[in-house]
Amino acid sequence: MAEAPEEHSSGLVDKDLAELPPQKVMEAAGTLLQSLTAPARIAIIVQLQHRPCCVHELVAALDIPQPAVSQHLRVLKNAGVVKSTRRGREHEYSLVDEHLTGIVNDALCHAEEILHHRFL
């Protein structure tokens, strides 16, 4: 005899469904992913994969105004993606860890595949 699905307050739930992480973890993941929604932030992460950089180096590499770079860095820092350390009179930015590089690189690879298939 087949086992009946468990009864929950929201109705019937299939036992084969994945157990969700705690709500606070999902909210933190959402904040992290939201920090990646701007192409300039993705470009900053790509640059920081190679080495830590000061704001003026990112301005030169990305060809966007300094206030915009600083604002994007602030968003990434608040999301826990980058950290800054003092280097003389400047702040040097680096990635907090390498976890995010995989997400960004996978997203870029997937986007290239989508664009390639869309424009064949």
Protein backbone atom coordinates (compact mmCIF):
# COMPACT_ATOMS: atom_id res chain seq x y z
CA MET A 1 0.00 0.00 0.00
CA ALA A 2 1.39 3.40 -0.98
CA GLU A 3 2.23 5.79 1.82
CA ALA A 4 0.03 8.89 1.94
CA PRO A 5 1.74 12.29 1.78
CA GLU A 6 2.21 14.05 5.11
CA GLU A 7 -0.51 16.49 6.09
CA HIS A 8 0.64 20.05 6.86
CA SER A 9 -1.23 23.21 7.73
CA SER A 10 -0.86 24.37 4.12
CA GLY A 11 -2.25 21.12 2.73
CA LEU A 12 -0.61 17.97 1.44
CA VAL A 13 3.16 17.97 0.91
CA ASP A 14 5.12 15.43 -1.09
CA LYS A 15 7.83 13.75 1.01
CA ASP A 16 10.21 13.88 -1.98
CA LEU A 17 10.45 17.68 -1.91
CA ALA A 18 13.68 19.26 -0.72
CA GLU A 19 13.93 20.62 2.78
CA LEU A 20 14.33 24.38 2.55
CA PRO A 21 17.09 26.27 4.34
CA PRO A 22 16.03 28.57 7.18
CA GLN A 23 14.25 31.76 6.08
CA LYS A 24 17.12 33.99 7.26
CA VAL A 25 19.57 32.04 5.08
CA MET A 26 17.31 32.40 2.03
CA GLU A 27 16.90 36.13 2.69
CA ALA A 28 20.69 36.52 2.94
CA ALA A 29 21.10 34.59 -0.32
CA GLY A 30 18.51 36.84 -1.95
CA THR A 31 20.39 39.95 -0.81
CA LEU A 32 23.61 38.48 -2.14
CA LEU A 33 22.07 37.71 -5.54
CA GLN A 34 20.44 41.16 -5.68
CA SER A 35 23.89 42.69 -5.27
CA LEU A 36 24.85 41.05 -8.57
CA THR A 37 22.04 42.55 -10.66
CA ALA A 38 24.10 45.42 -12.07
CA PRO A 39 26.50 44.60 -14.92
CA ALA A 40 29.06 47.01 -13.41
CA ARG A 41 29.08 44.98 -10.17
CA ILE A 42 29.68 41.80 -12.13
CA ALA A 43 32.56 43.53 -13.91
CA ILE A 44 34.00 44.62 -10.55
CA ILE A 45 33.89 41.03 -9.32
CA VAL A 46 35.58 39.82 -12.51
CA GLN A 47 38.37 42.37 -11.97
CA LEU A 48 38.76 41.49 -8.29
CA GLN A 49 39.09 37.79 -9.14
CA HIS A 50 42.54 38.60 -10.52
CA ARG A 51 43.82 40.84 -7.74
CA PRO A 52 42.74 43.44 -5.19
CA CYS A 53 42.22 46.92 -6.68
CA CYS A 54 41.82 50.52 -5.57
CA VAL A 55 38.88 52.57 -6.80
CA HIS A 56 40.96 54.47 -9.38
CA GLU A 57 42.15 51.15 -10.86
CA LEU A 58 38.58 49.94 -11.21
CA VAL A 59 37.56 53.27 -12.76
CA ALA A 60 40.29 52.84 -15.39
CA ALA A 61 39.54 49.17 -16.02
CA LEU A 62 35.76 49.59 -16.29
CA ASP A 63 35.67 53.05 -17.86
CA ILE A 64 32.89 54.28 -15.58
CA PRO A 65 32.92 57.37 -13.34
CA GLN A 66 34.48 57.17 -9.89
CA PRO A 67 31.24 57.97 -8.02
CA ALA A 68 29.50 55.07 -9.78
CA VAL A 69 32.33 52.66 -8.96
CA SER A 70 32.26 53.77 -5.32
CA GLN A 71 28.50 53.30 -5.14
CA HIS A 72 28.71 49.78 -6.63
CA LEU A 73 31.52 48.89 -4.22
CA ARG A 74 29.37 50.09 -1.32
CA VAL A 75 26.53 47.78 -2.42
CA LEU A 76 28.93 44.85 -2.77
CA LYS A 77 30.52 45.61 0.60
CA ASN A 78 27.11 45.83 2.34
CA ALA A 79 26.19 42.45 0.80
CA GLY A 80 29.38 40.90 2.19
CA VAL A 81 30.91 40.33 -1.25
CA VAL A 82 33.95 42.63 -1.01
CA LYS A 83 36.06 44.02 1.80
CA SER A 84 38.39 46.99 1.90
CA THR A 85 41.76 47.52 3.50
CA ARG A 86 43.71 50.75 3.80
CA ARG A 87 46.62 51.11 1.35
CA GLY A 88 48.22 54.47 2.06
CA ARG A 89 45.59 57.11 1.41
CA GLU A 90 43.42 54.71 -0.59
CA HIS A 91 41.24 51.73 0.10
CA GLU A 92 42.06 48.50 -1.67
CA TYR A 93 39.09 46.27 -2.42
CA SER A 94 39.18 42.48 -2.60
CA LEU A 95 36.69 39.63 -2.62
CA VAL A 96 35.72 38.33 0.80
CA ASP A 97 36.11 34.76 -0.48
CA GLU A 98 36.08 32.79 -3.71
CA HIS A 99 32.54 31.38 -3.40
CA LEU A 100 31.02 34.14 -5.47
CA THR A 101 33.45 33.83 -8.35
CA GLY A 102 31.93 30.48 -9.27
CA ILE A 103 28.43 31.96 -9.33
CA VAL A 104 29.53 34.93 -11.44
CA ASN A 105 31.61 32.82 -13.85
CA ASP A 106 28.77 30.29 -14.25
CA ALA A 107 26.28 33.11 -14.91
CA LEU A 108 28.58 34.66 -17.53
CA CYS A 109 29.10 31.30 -19.22
CA HIS A 110 25.37 30.61 -19.23
CA ALA A 111 24.64 34.08 -20.62
CA GLU A 112 27.12 33.49 -23.46
CA GLU A 113 25.39 30.19 -24.27
CA ILE A 114 21.97 31.84 -24.28
CA LEU A 115 23.17 34.65 -26.55
CA HIS A 116 24.92 32.20 -28.86
CA HIS A 117 21.79 30.06 -29.25
CA ARG A 118 19.52 33.08 -29.60
CA PHE A 119 21.54 34.58 -32.45
CA LEU A 120 22.40 31.46 -34.46
